[in-house]
Amino acid sequence: MLALIIAVIIIGAWPALSSHDSIAFITDKSWYPLEGQFGMLSMLLASVLVMIIAILLAAPIGIMCAIFIAYIAPARIQKGYRFAIALLAGMPSVVLGLWGLTVLVPLINKWSPPGQSLLLAGIVLCIMILPTVTLTSLAAFKSLPETLQHATSALGIRQHVQIVNVLIPAASAAIISGVLLAMARALGETMVVLMVAGNVVQFPTGLLEPVRTLTANIALEMAYATDLHRASLFVSGLILTVLVLVMMLIASKIKSDNHYG
């Protein structure tokens, strides 16, 4: 199935790849399909920046949530906390986008119109990928041998020192792998960024400016795109697929090299 999906994307993108300079797709920022200009640099950069903002916010919060569940929270609180994380993980992205559009956009609009922006897309996307970071980090901590914690406790090391200096380094490879998985999900998200990013094709120069990501562009234009325009949207999908593949390979490599300190 994966091979079939990739084959369809490559076949769909081939007319554009064969008739245009392939490098120009990611170096040119001019996206004017009616004029035959299909530069994706602005949207590619917006996609990457939204992902970076989301993971910079989600990674530390998610890891701290995992530490709280694994080592600090009482058993009764653990159950409710994990249920809340699981519920958030199953929340439809359109619901998060609707919340961001109706609650956060008006708040930011009072400060810096129009409200829909690169920063807001990163914030709402952070909420969406937060459960992924939390649950993968929690699994990393749970996979550590109990003897590791018992040994540090026997040495009289305080809990916060154990967590910072022993447990986090021991689980770091699996945590990083989980963070990369969350980044891949953030890069491929469509509905949230479609609703709160502003959907303006422009080179992002500020956090509060509206932008359009590659995924949002595909969703907005595929319904009426034809010929090279349609093929160029398939090129967008191919670029996203390659980026996700690279992150998955890095995550797999890090996880395979995991060892306890």
C-alpha atoms as a PDB file:
ATOM      1  CA  MET A   1       0.000   0.000   0.000  1.00  0.00           C
ATOM      2  CA  LEU A   2       2.825   2.392   0.882  1.00  0.00           C
ATOM      3  CA  ALA A   3       4.582   1.640  -2.393  1.00  0.00           C
ATOM      4  CA  LEU A   4       1.335   2.217  -4.283  1.00  0.00           C
ATOM      5  CA  ILE A   5       0.770   5.595  -2.596  1.00  0.00           C
ATOM      6  CA  ILE A   6       4.320   6.747  -3.354  1.00  0.00           C
ATOM      7  CA  ALA A   7       4.015   5.526  -6.941  1.00  0.00           C
ATOM      8  CA  VAL A   8       0.793   7.513  -7.448  1.00  0.00           C
ATOM      9  CA  ILE A   9       2.449  10.650  -6.035  1.00  0.00           C
ATOM     10  CA  ILE A  10       5.499  10.271  -8.302  1.00  0.00           C
ATOM     11  CA  ILE A  11       3.357   9.596 -11.382  1.00  0.00           C
ATOM     12  CA  GLY A  12       1.172  12.601 -10.585  1.00  0.00           C
ATOM     13  CA  ALA A  13       4.212  14.850 -10.070  1.00  0.00           C
ATOM     14  CA  TRP A  14       6.147  13.652 -13.112  1.00  0.00           C
ATOM     15  CA  PRO A  15       4.700  16.109 -15.707  1.00  0.00           C
ATOM     16  CA  ALA A  16       5.862  19.041 -13.564  1.00  0.00           C
ATOM     17  CA  LEU A  17       9.213  17.457 -12.688  1.00  0.00           C
ATOM     18  CA  SER A  18       9.961  16.664 -16.333  1.00  0.00           C
ATOM     19  CA  SER A  19       8.989  20.084 -17.699  1.00  0.00           C
ATOM     20  CA  HIS A  20      10.458  22.347 -15.007  1.00  0.00           C
ATOM     21  CA  ASP A  21      13.728  22.697 -13.166  1.00  0.00           C
ATOM     22  CA  SER A  22      13.180  20.436 -10.153  1.00  0.00           C
ATOM     23  CA  ILE A  23      15.354  22.582  -7.892  1.00  0.00           C
ATOM     24  CA  ALA A  24      13.289  25.672  -8.724  1.00  0.00           C
ATOM     25  CA  PHE A  25      10.299  24.196  -6.916  1.00  0.00           C
ATOM     26  CA  ILE A  26      12.080  24.624  -3.581  1.00  0.00           C
ATOM     27  CA  THR A  27      14.212  27.692  -4.389  1.00  0.00           C
ATOM     28  CA  ASP A  28      11.638  29.959  -6.043  1.00  0.00           C
ATOM     29  CA  LYS A  29       9.051  31.671  -3.799  1.00  0.00           C
ATOM     30  CA  SER A  30       6.700  32.782  -6.600  1.00  0.00           C
ATOM     31  CA  TRP A  31       3.502  30.713  -6.620  1.00  0.00           C
ATOM     32  CA  TYR A  32       1.365  32.007  -9.512  1.00  0.00           C
ATOM     33  CA  PRO A  33      -0.186  28.931 -11.184  1.00  0.00           C
ATOM     34  CA  LEU A  34      -2.070  30.959 -13.807  1.00  0.00           C
ATOM     35  CA  GLU A  35       1.251  32.395 -14.961  1.00  0.00           C
ATOM     36  CA  GLY A  36       3.059  29.066 -14.856  1.00  0.00           C
ATOM     37  CA  GLN A  37       5.124  29.919 -11.768  1.00  0.00           C
ATOM     38  CA  PHE A  38       5.157  27.130  -9.192  1.00  0.00           C
ATOM     39  CA  GLY A  39       7.774  28.207  -6.652  1.00  0.00           C
ATOM     40  CA  MET A  40       7.097  26.603  -3.258  1.00  0.00           C
ATOM     41  CA  LEU A  41       9.841  28.109  -1.105  1.00  0.00           C
ATOM     42  CA  SER A  42       7.477  30.395   0.833  1.00  0.00           C
ATOM     43  CA  MET A  43       5.050  27.583   1.643  1.00  0.00           C
ATOM     44  CA  LEU A  44       7.828  25.095   2.373  1.00  0.00           C
ATOM     45  CA  LEU A  45       9.453  27.513   4.805  1.00  0.00           C
ATOM     46  CA  ALA A  46       6.073  28.233   6.414  1.00  0.00           C
ATOM     47  CA  SER A  47       5.478  24.483   6.862  1.00  0.00           C
ATOM     48  CA  VAL A  48       8.880  24.000   8.491  1.00  0.00           C
ATOM     49  CA  LEU A  49       8.537  27.061  10.740  1.00  0.00           C
ATOM     50  CA  VAL A  50       5.084  26.028  11.956  1.00  0.00           C
ATOM     51  CA  MET A  51       6.480  22.584  12.754  1.00  0.00           C
ATOM     52  CA  ILE A  52       9.464  24.071  14.608  1.00  0.00           C
ATOM     53  CA  ILE A  53       7.282  26.397  16.704  1.00  0.00           C
ATOM     54  CA  ALA A  54       4.951  23.525  17.566  1.00  0.00           C
ATOM     55  CA  ILE A  55       7.719  21.135  18.609  1.00  0.00           C
ATOM     56  CA  LEU A  56       9.638  23.783  20.573  1.00  0.00           C
ATOM     57  CA  LEU A  57       6.502  24.290  22.659  1.00  0.00           C
ATOM     58  CA  ALA A  58       5.296  20.683  22.771  1.00  0.00           C
ATOM     59  CA  ALA A  59       8.580  18.863  23.487  1.00  0.00           C
ATOM     60  CA  PRO A  60       9.414  20.323  26.937  1.00  0.00           C
ATOM     61  CA  ILE A  61       5.766  20.322  28.069  1.00  0.00           C
ATOM     62  CA  GLY A  62       5.198  16.774  26.848  1.00  0.00           C
ATOM     63  CA  ILE A  63       8.358  15.442  28.487  1.00  0.00           C
ATOM     64  CA  MET A  64       7.436  17.128  31.779  1.00  0.00           C
ATOM     65  CA  CYS A  65       3.943  15.621  31.585  1.00  0.00           C
ATOM     66  CA  ALA A  66       5.480  12.188  31.051  1.00  0.00           C
ATOM     67  CA  ILE A  67       7.791  12.678  34.053  1.00  0.00           C
ATOM     68  CA  PHE A  68       4.816  13.740  36.172  1.00  0.00           C
ATOM     69  CA  ILE A  69       2.826  10.630  35.228  1.00  0.00           C
ATOM     70  CA  ALA A  70       5.729   8.199  35.545  1.00  0.00           C
ATOM     71  CA  TYR A  71       7.437   9.371  38.731  1.00  0.00           C
ATOM     72  CA  ILE A  72       5.557  12.084  40.589  1.00  0.00           C
ATOM     73  CA  ALA A  73       1.762  11.798  40.363  1.00  0.00           C
ATOM     74  CA  PRO A  74      -0.105   9.566  42.875  1.00  0.00           C
ATOM     75  CA  ALA A  75      -1.752   6.494  41.353  1.00  0.00           C
ATOM     76  CA  ARG A  76      -5.239   8.015  41.510  1.00  0.00           C
ATOM     77  CA  ILE A  77      -4.152  11.142  39.649  1.00  0.00           C
ATOM     78  CA  GLN A  78      -2.127   9.141  37.130  1.00  0.00           C
ATOM     79  CA  LYS A  79      -5.234   7.395  35.850  1.00  0.00           C
ATOM     80  CA  GLY A  80      -7.195  10.587  35.264  1.00  0.00           C
ATOM     81  CA  TYR A  81      -4.173  12.371  33.797  1.00  0.00           C
ATOM     82  CA  ARG A  82      -3.474   9.594  31.314  1.00  0.00           C
ATOM     83  CA  PHE A  83      -7.153   9.532  30.350  1.00  0.00           C
ATOM     84  CA  ALA A  84      -7.054  13.272  29.641  1.00  0.00           C
ATOM     85  CA  ILE A  85      -3.924  12.864  27.491  1.00  0.00           C
ATOM     86  CA  ALA A  86      -5.529   9.986  25.577  1.00  0.00           C
ATOM     87  CA  LEU A  87      -8.687  12.045  25.035  1.00  0.00           C
ATOM     88  CA  LEU A  88      -6.635  14.938  23.704  1.00  0.00           C
ATOM     89  CA  ALA A  89      -4.778  12.526  21.415  1.00  0.00           C
ATOM     90  CA  GLY A  90      -8.086  11.423  19.908  1.00  0.00           C
ATOM     91  CA  MET A  91      -9.435  14.954  19.487  1.00  0.00           C
ATOM     92  CA  PRO A  92     -10.224  15.638  15.803  1.00  0.00           C
ATOM     93  CA  SER A  93      -7.888  18.249  14.378  1.00  0.00           C
ATOM     94  CA  VAL A  94     -10.859  20.159  12.962  1.00  0.00           C
ATOM     95  CA  VAL A  95     -12.156  20.657  16.520  1.00  0.00           C
ATOM     96  CA  LEU A  96      -8.810  22.075  17.637  1.00  0.00           C
ATOM     97  CA  GLY A  97      -8.771  24.288  14.561  1.00  0.00           C
ATOM     98  CA  LEU A  98     -12.295  25.495  15.307  1.00  0.00           C
ATOM     99  CA  TRP A  99     -11.300  26.297  18.887  1.00  0.00           C
ATOM    100  CA  GLY A 100      -8.253  28.209  17.706  1.00  0.00           C
ATOM    101  CA  LEU A 101     -10.298  30.066  15.095  1.00  0.00           C
ATOM    102  CA  THR A 102     -13.046  31.147  17.477  1.00  0.00           C
ATOM    103  CA  VAL A 103     -11.053  31.704  20.678  1.00  0.00           C
ATOM    104  CA  LEU A 104      -7.419  32.493  19.920  1.00  0.00           C
ATOM    105  CA  VAL A 105      -7.764  34.354  16.613  1.00  0.00           C
ATOM    106  CA  PRO A 106      -9.994  37.105  18.117  1.00  0.00           C
ATOM    107  CA  LEU A 107      -7.582  37.509  21.037  1.00  0.00           C
ATOM    108  CA  ILE A 108      -4.529  37.903  18.801  1.00  0.00           C
ATOM    109  CA  ASN A 109      -6.520  40.084  16.393  1.00  0.00           C
ATOM    110  CA  LYS A 110      -6.894  42.700  19.134  1.00  0.00           C
ATOM    111  CA  TRP A 111      -3.124  42.829  19.425  1.00  0.00           C
ATOM    112  CA  SER A 112      -2.031  42.285  15.828  1.00  0.00           C
ATOM    113  CA  PRO A 113      -4.633  41.908  13.030  1.00  0.00           C
ATOM    114  CA  PRO A 114      -5.694  39.705  11.334  1.00  0.00           C
ATOM    115  CA  GLY A 115      -5.005  37.211  14.138  1.00  0.00           C
ATOM    116  CA  GLN A 116      -4.472  34.218  11.872  1.00  0.00           C
ATOM    117  CA  SER A 117      -0.724  33.807  11.745  1.00  0.00           C
ATOM    118  CA  LEU A 118       2.354  31.631  11.754  1.00  0.00           C
ATOM    119  CA  LEU A 119       2.583  31.812  15.555  1.00  0.00           C
ATOM    120  CA  LEU A 120      -1.039  30.820  16.133  1.00  0.00           C
ATOM    121  CA  ALA A 121      -0.716  27.861  13.783  1.00  0.00           C
ATOM    122  CA  GLY A 122       2.318  26.701  15.788  1.00  0.00           C
ATOM    123  CA  ILE A 123       0.493  27.099  19.108  1.00  0.00           C
ATOM    124  CA  VAL A 124      -2.609  25.145  18.056  1.00  0.00           C
ATOM    125  CA  LEU A 125      -0.443  22.517  16.361  1.00  0.00           C
ATOM    126  CA  CYS A 126       1.525  22.226  19.620  1.00  0.00           C
ATOM    127  CA  ILE A 127      -1.667  21.235  21.420  1.00  0.00           C
ATOM    128  CA  MET A 128      -2.378  18.632  18.756  1.00  0.00           C
ATOM    129  CA  ILE A 129       1.028  16.920  18.932  1.00  0.00           C
ATOM    130  CA  LEU A 130       1.458  17.286  22.699  1.00  0.00           C
ATOM    131  CA  PRO A 131      -0.127  13.862  23.435  1.00  0.00           C
ATOM    132  CA  THR A 132       2.251  12.204  20.966  1.00  0.00           C
ATOM    133  CA  VAL A 133       5.288  13.626  22.754  1.00  0.00           C
ATOM    134  CA  THR A 134       3.831  12.787  26.168  1.00  0.00           C
ATOM    135  CA  LEU A 135       2.851   9.204  25.393  1.00  0.00           C
ATOM    136  CA  THR A 136       6.079   8.329  23.563  1.00  0.00           C
ATOM    137  CA  SER A 137       8.157   9.878  26.360  1.00  0.00           C
ATOM    138  CA  LEU A 138       6.100   8.004  28.954  1.00  0.00           C
ATOM    139  CA  ALA A 139       6.689   4.757  27.085  1.00  0.00           C
ATOM    140  CA  ALA A 140      10.412   5.567  27.054  1.00  0.00           C
ATOM    141  CA  PHE A 141      10.478   6.028  30.835  1.00  0.00           C
ATOM    142  CA  LYS A 142       8.397   2.892  31.433  1.00  0.00           C
ATOM    143  CA  SER A 143      10.828   0.869  29.314  1.00  0.00           C
ATOM    144  CA  LEU A 144      13.750   1.670  31.615  1.00  0.00           C
ATOM    145  CA  PRO A 145      14.760  -1.178  33.944  1.00  0.00           C
ATOM    146  CA  GLU A 146      13.503  -0.682  37.499  1.00  0.00           C
ATOM    147  CA  THR A 147      16.968  -1.508  38.802  1.00  0.00           C
ATOM    148  CA  LEU A 148      18.193   1.791  37.390  1.00  0.00           C
ATOM    149  CA  GLN A 149      15.924   3.791  39.684  1.00  0.00           C
ATOM    150  CA  HIS A 150      16.458   1.428  42.623  1.00  0.00           C
ATOM    151  CA  ALA A 151      20.229   1.762  42.327  1.00  0.00           C
ATOM    152  CA  THR A 152      20.115   5.557  42.361  1.00  0.00           C
ATOM    153  CA  SER A 153      17.693   5.523  45.305  1.00  0.00           C
ATOM    154  CA  ALA A 154      20.024   3.197  47.209  1.00  0.00           C
ATOM    155  CA  LEU A 155      22.792   5.732  46.742  1.00  0.00           C
ATOM    156  CA  GLY A 156      20.637   8.354  48.438  1.00  0.00           C
ATOM    157  CA  ILE A 157      20.191  10.456  45.306  1.00  0.00           C
ATOM    158  CA  ARG A 158      17.150  12.724  45.457  1.00  0.00           C
ATOM    159  CA  GLN A 159      14.311  12.135  43.046  1.00  0.00           C
ATOM    160  CA  HIS A 160      14.725  15.316  41.004  1.00  0.00           C
ATOM    161  CA  VAL A 161      18.435  14.569  40.584  1.00  0.00           C
ATOM    162  CA  GLN A 162      17.608  11.007  39.520  1.00  0.00           C
ATOM    163  CA  ILE A 163      15.188  12.283  36.899  1.00  0.00           C
ATOM    164  CA  VAL A 164      17.474  14.957  35.468  1.00  0.00           C
ATOM    165  CA  ASN A 165      20.839  13.206  35.627  1.00  0.00           C
ATOM    166  CA  VAL A 166      19.956   9.516  35.253  1.00  0.00           C
ATOM    167  CA  LEU A 167      16.490   8.708  33.930  1.00  0.00           C
ATOM    168  CA  ILE A 168      16.182  11.353  31.208  1.00  0.00           C
ATOM    169  CA  PRO A 169      19.651  10.614  29.754  1.00  0.00           C
ATOM    170  CA  ALA A 170      18.904   6.880  29.844  1.00  0.00           C
ATOM    171  CA  ALA A 171      15.648   7.349  27.936  1.00  0.00           C
ATOM    172  CA  SER A 172      16.905  10.180  25.725  1.00  0.00           C
ATOM    173  CA  ALA A 173      17.165   8.154  22.491  1.00  0.00           C
ATOM    174  CA  ALA A 174      13.565   6.940  22.708  1.00  0.00           C
ATOM    175  CA  ILE A 175      12.379  10.422  23.714  1.00  0.00           C
ATOM    176  CA  ILE A 176      14.121  12.015  20.731  1.00  0.00           C
ATOM    177  CA  SER A 177      12.621   9.358  18.482  1.00  0.00           C
ATOM    178  CA  GLY A 178       9.151  10.217  19.791  1.00  0.00           C
ATOM    179  CA  VAL A 179       9.779  13.930  19.271  1.00  0.00           C
ATOM    180  CA  LEU A 180      10.730  13.255  15.650  1.00  0.00           C
ATOM    181  CA  LEU A 181       7.505  11.282  15.178  1.00  0.00           C
ATOM    182  CA  ALA A 182       5.570  14.260  16.548  1.00  0.00           C
ATOM    183  CA  MET A 183       7.451  16.569  14.155  1.00  0.00           C
ATOM    184  CA  ALA A 184       6.464  14.352  11.232  1.00  0.00           C
ATOM    185  CA  ARG A 185       2.835  14.533  12.290  1.00  0.00           C
ATOM    186  CA  ALA A 186       3.038  18.310  12.650  1.00  0.00           C
ATOM    187  CA  LEU A 187       4.597  18.670   9.198  1.00  0.00           C
ATOM    188  CA  GLY A 188       1.802  16.683   7.598  1.00  0.00           C
ATOM    189  CA  GLU A 189      -1.119  18.326   9.423  1.00  0.00           C
ATOM    190  CA  THR A 190      -3.630  20.091   7.189  1.00  0.00           C
ATOM    191  CA  MET A 191      -6.855  21.101   8.910  1.00  0.00           C
ATOM    192  CA  VAL A 192      -5.389  23.047  11.843  1.00  0.00           C
ATOM    193  CA  VAL A 193      -3.065  25.170   9.723  1.00  0.00           C
ATOM    194  CA  LEU A 194      -5.754  25.594   7.081  1.00  0.00           C
ATOM    195  CA  MET A 195      -8.047  27.187   9.675  1.00  0.00           C
ATOM    196  CA  VAL A 196      -5.675  29.351  11.715  1.00  0.00           C
ATOM    197  CA  ALA A 197      -2.586  30.165   9.602  1.00  0.00           C
ATOM    198  CA  GLY A 198      -4.266  32.729   7.320  1.00  0.00           C
ATOM    199  CA  ASN A 199      -3.574  31.031   3.960  1.00  0.00           C
ATOM    200  CA  VAL A 200      -1.658  33.896   2.362  1.00  0.00           C
ATOM    201  CA  VAL A 201       1.140  32.784   0.036  1.00  0.00           C
ATOM    202  CA  GLN A 202       3.963  35.035   1.159  1.00  0.00           C
ATOM    203  CA  PHE A 203       7.503  34.670   2.442  1.00  0.00           C
ATOM    204  CA  PRO A 204       7.233  34.494   6.255  1.00  0.00           C
ATOM    205  CA  THR A 205       9.086  37.414   7.824  1.00  0.00           C
ATOM    206  CA  GLY A 206       7.307  37.638  11.185  1.00  0.00           C
ATOM    207  CA  LEU A 207       5.550  35.390  13.678  1.00  0.00           C
ATOM    208  CA  LEU A 208       2.282  37.327  13.468  1.00  0.00           C
ATOM    209  CA  GLU A 209       1.997  37.290   9.680  1.00  0.00           C
ATOM    210  CA  PRO A 210      -0.483  35.016   7.864  1.00  0.00           C
ATOM    211  CA  VAL A 211       1.123  32.206   5.879  1.00  0.00           C
ATOM    212  CA  ARG A 212       0.145  29.192   3.817  1.00  0.00           C
ATOM    213  CA  THR A 213       1.684  25.755   4.277  1.00  0.00           C
ATOM    214  CA  LEU A 214       2.166  23.109   1.610  1.00  0.00           C
ATOM    215  CA  THR A 215      -0.553  20.875   3.066  1.00  0.00           C
ATOM    216  CA  ALA A 216      -3.077  23.723   3.187  1.00  0.00           C
ATOM    217  CA  ASN A 217      -2.194  24.683  -0.386  1.00  0.00           C
ATOM    218  CA  ILE A 218      -2.893  21.158  -1.623  1.00  0.00           C
ATOM    219  CA  ALA A 219      -6.240  21.074   0.188  1.00  0.00           C
ATOM    220  CA  LEU A 220      -7.276  24.488  -1.152  1.00  0.00           C
ATOM    221  CA  GLU A 221      -6.260  24.115  -4.798  1.00  0.00           C
ATOM    222  CA  MET A 222      -6.463  20.430  -5.722  1.00  0.00           C
ATOM    223  CA  ALA A 223     -10.226  20.598  -6.406  1.00  0.00           C
ATOM    224  CA  TYR A 224      -9.804  22.905  -9.401  1.00  0.00           C
ATOM    225  CA  ALA A 225      -6.166  22.401 -10.424  1.00  0.00           C
ATOM    226  CA  THR A 226      -5.430  21.014 -13.894  1.00  0.00           C
ATOM    227  CA  ASP A 227      -2.397  20.083 -15.977  1.00  0.00           C
ATOM    228  CA  LEU A 228       0.902  21.481 -14.615  1.00  0.00           C
ATOM    229  CA  HIS A 229      -0.876  23.153 -11.714  1.00  0.00           C
ATOM    230  CA  ARG A 230      -2.198  19.776 -10.566  1.00  0.00           C
ATOM    231  CA  ALA A 231       1.158  18.117 -11.160  1.00  0.00           C
ATOM    232  CA  SER A 232       2.870  20.810  -9.075  1.00  0.00           C
ATOM    233  CA  LEU A 233       0.541  20.030  -6.169  1.00  0.00           C
ATOM    234  CA  PHE A 234       1.687  16.429  -6.450  1.00  0.00           C
ATOM    235  CA  VAL A 235       5.253  17.746  -6.257  1.00  0.00           C
ATOM    236  CA  SER A 236       4.250  19.403  -2.972  1.00  0.00           C
ATOM    237  CA  GLY A 237       3.052  16.033  -1.721  1.00  0.00           C
ATOM    238  CA  LEU A 238       6.284  14.414  -2.861  1.00  0.00           C
ATOM    239  CA  ILE A 239       8.373  17.000  -0.983  1.00  0.00           C
ATOM    240  CA  LEU A 240       6.370  16.430   2.194  1.00  0.00           C
ATOM    241  CA  THR A 241       6.699  12.663   1.799  1.00  0.00           C
ATOM    242  CA  VAL A 242      10.472  12.905   1.442  1.00  0.00           C
ATOM    243  CA  LEU A 243      10.753  15.149   4.516  1.00  0.00           C
ATOM    244  CA  VAL A 244       8.646  12.778   6.604  1.00  0.00           C
ATOM    245  CA  LEU A 245      10.646   9.801   5.312  1.00  0.00           C
ATOM    246  CA  VAL A 246      13.900  11.469   6.378  1.00  0.00           C
ATOM    247  CA  MET A 247      12.542  12.124   9.883  1.00  0.00           C
ATOM    248  CA  MET A 248      11.282   8.549  10.168  1.00  0.00           C
ATOM    249  CA  LEU A 249      14.676   7.178   9.141  1.00  0.00           C
ATOM    250  CA  ILE A 250      16.423   9.396  11.702  1.00  0.00           C
ATOM    251  CA  ALA A 251      13.943   8.325  14.398  1.00  0.00           C
ATOM    252  CA  SER A 252      14.453   4.663  13.513  1.00  0.00           C
ATOM    253  CA  LYS A 253      18.239   5.052  13.603  1.00  0.00           C
ATOM    254  CA  ILE A 254      18.180   6.808  16.983  1.00  0.00           C
ATOM    255  CA  LYS A 255      15.836   4.214  18.455  1.00  0.00           C
ATOM    256  CA  SER A 256      17.977   1.311  17.209  1.00  0.00           C
ATOM    257  CA  ASP A 257      21.028   2.883  18.856  1.00  0.00           C
ATOM    258  CA  ASN A 258      19.204   3.310  22.180  1.00  0.00           C
ATOM    259  CA  HIS A 259      21.138   2.179  25.225  1.00  0.00           C
ATOM    260  CA  TYR A 260      20.923   2.884  28.910  1.00  0.00           C
ATOM    261  CA  GLY A 261      23.454   5.199  30.459  1.00  0.00           C
END
